[in-house]
Protein backbone atom coordinates (compact mmCIF):
# COMPACT_ATOMS: atom_id res chain seq x y z
CA ASN A 1 0.00 0.00 0.00
CA ASN A 2 2.91 2.38 0.55
CA LEU A 3 4.13 1.94 -3.01
CA ASN A 4 0.98 3.34 -4.56
CA ALA A 5 -0.01 5.57 -1.62
CA VAL A 6 -3.28 3.66 -1.28
CA ARG A 7 -5.17 4.03 1.99
CA GLU A 8 -5.19 0.77 3.95
CA SER A 9 -8.63 -0.85 4.14
CA SER A 10 -10.22 -1.85 7.43
CA TYR A 11 -9.84 -5.51 6.44
CA THR A 12 -6.14 -5.11 5.73
CA ALA A 13 -5.71 -3.34 9.07
CA LEU A 14 -7.50 -6.21 10.84
CA LEU A 15 -5.26 -8.77 9.17
CA ARG A 16 -2.09 -6.79 9.88
CA LYS A 17 -2.96 -6.32 13.56
CA SER A 18 -3.88 -10.03 13.89
CA LEU A 19 -0.45 -10.98 12.60
CA ASP A 20 1.28 -8.38 14.80
CA VAL A 21 -0.25 -9.81 17.99
CA GLY A 22 -0.01 -13.46 16.91
CA LEU A 23 -3.72 -14.20 16.53
CA LEU A 24 -5.49 -16.13 13.83
CA PRO A 25 -7.43 -13.69 11.64
CA LEU A 26 -11.18 -13.97 12.23
CA LYS A 27 -14.18 -12.44 10.57
CA LEU A 28 -15.17 -10.09 13.35
CA GLY A 29 -18.63 -9.27 12.09
CA VAL A 30 -20.48 -7.54 9.35
CA VAL A 31 -21.14 -3.87 8.86
CA LYS A 32 -24.67 -3.65 7.63
CA ARG A 33 -26.77 -0.75 6.51
CA VAL A 34 -29.81 0.11 8.62
CA GLY A 35 -31.57 3.02 6.99
CA SER A 36 -29.03 5.76 6.42
CA GLU A 37 -26.64 4.66 9.17
CA LYS A 38 -24.27 1.74 9.57
CA GLU A 39 -24.07 -0.62 12.49
CA LEU A 40 -21.36 -2.94 13.67
CA GLN A 41 -23.17 -5.80 15.43
CA LEU A 42 -20.72 -7.94 17.40
CA GLY A 43 -22.72 -8.70 20.53
CA HIS A 44 -22.06 -12.03 22.29
CA PHE A 45 -19.01 -12.98 20.18
CA LYS A 46 -16.85 -13.25 23.34
CA ILE A 47 -13.88 -11.81 21.46
CA GLY A 48 -11.88 -10.75 24.55
CA ASP A 49 -9.21 -8.06 24.78
CA SER A 50 -6.80 -9.35 22.14
CA TYR A 51 -9.39 -9.42 19.38
CA ALA A 52 -10.83 -6.12 20.66
CA GLU A 53 -7.40 -4.59 19.99
CA VAL A 54 -7.45 -6.11 16.49
CA LEU A 55 -10.94 -4.74 15.91
CA GLY A 56 -9.77 -1.33 17.12
CA ALA A 57 -7.11 -1.30 14.41
CA GLY A 58 -9.80 -2.02 11.80
CA LEU A 59 -12.11 0.65 13.20
CA LYS A 60 -9.42 3.25 12.68
CA ASN A 61 -10.00 2.97 8.91
CA LEU A 62 -13.73 2.29 9.06
CA ALA A 63 -14.71 4.62 11.86
CA SER A 64 -16.20 7.45 9.81
CA ASP A 65 -18.77 5.03 8.35
CA VAL A 66 -19.88 3.38 11.60
CA LYS A 67 -22.58 5.11 13.63
CA VAL A 68 -23.60 2.32 16.05
CA VAL A 69 -21.29 -0.27 17.63
CA ASN A 70 -22.71 -3.19 19.63
CA LEU A 71 -20.06 -5.09 21.62
CA THR A 72 -22.21 -6.37 24.46
CA SER A 73 -21.05 -9.53 26.26
CA ASN A 74 -17.59 -9.94 24.74
CA ARG A 75 -15.29 -10.50 27.75
CA ILE A 76 -13.72 -7.08 27.16
CA SER A 77 -11.82 -5.45 30.03
CA GLY A 78 -10.49 -1.91 30.31
CA ARG A 79 -7.54 -2.75 28.04
CA GLY A 80 -9.75 -3.88 25.15
CA ALA A 81 -12.25 -1.06 25.66
CA GLU A 82 -9.46 1.51 25.51
CA ALA A 83 -8.15 0.06 22.23
CA LEU A 84 -11.65 0.28 20.75
CA LEU A 85 -12.57 3.70 22.08
CA LEU A 86 -9.33 5.33 20.94
CA ASN A 87 -10.14 4.36 17.35
CA LEU A 88 -13.80 5.35 17.14
CA SER A 89 -14.75 8.33 15.04
CA PRO A 90 -16.51 11.31 16.61
CA ALA A 91 -19.29 10.41 14.14
CA THR A 92 -20.06 7.27 16.20
CA GLN A 93 -23.34 7.96 17.91
CA ARG A 94 -23.75 4.92 20.16
CA ILE A 95 -21.55 2.15 21.53
CA ASP A 96 -22.86 -0.69 23.69
CA LEU A 97 -20.23 -2.26 25.94
CA SER A 98 -22.68 -3.66 28.47
CA SER A 99 -22.06 -7.06 30.09
CA ASN A 100 -18.29 -6.72 29.79
CA LYS A 101 -15.79 -6.44 32.64
CA ILE A 102 -14.44 -3.00 31.85
CA GLY A 103 -14.36 -1.49 35.33
CA LEU A 104 -13.39 2.15 35.75
CA ILE A 105 -11.38 3.73 32.93
CA GLY A 106 -10.55 7.30 32.06
């Protein structure tokens, strides 16, 4: 991507981060259109912190398109939540991190 100055896609970022942290690449969900907004529905996948960090890397490139993020019940702690939240766009209107073990952050 550097050779042609092409912006890295969210999928490429997910794959790159998976390799960087030594995880098998997984399909982490589908972005689907609901009316005029987009939602990332990943509730109850139990992805944990490592895959939350991988997803955060993908969100960095996808963030301006995503308005709603559902990550309920995914075994995410403060570490994983921080990786996700740091990569969300200000355009994100709602994020659901309920039923995770985040504790107090920030």
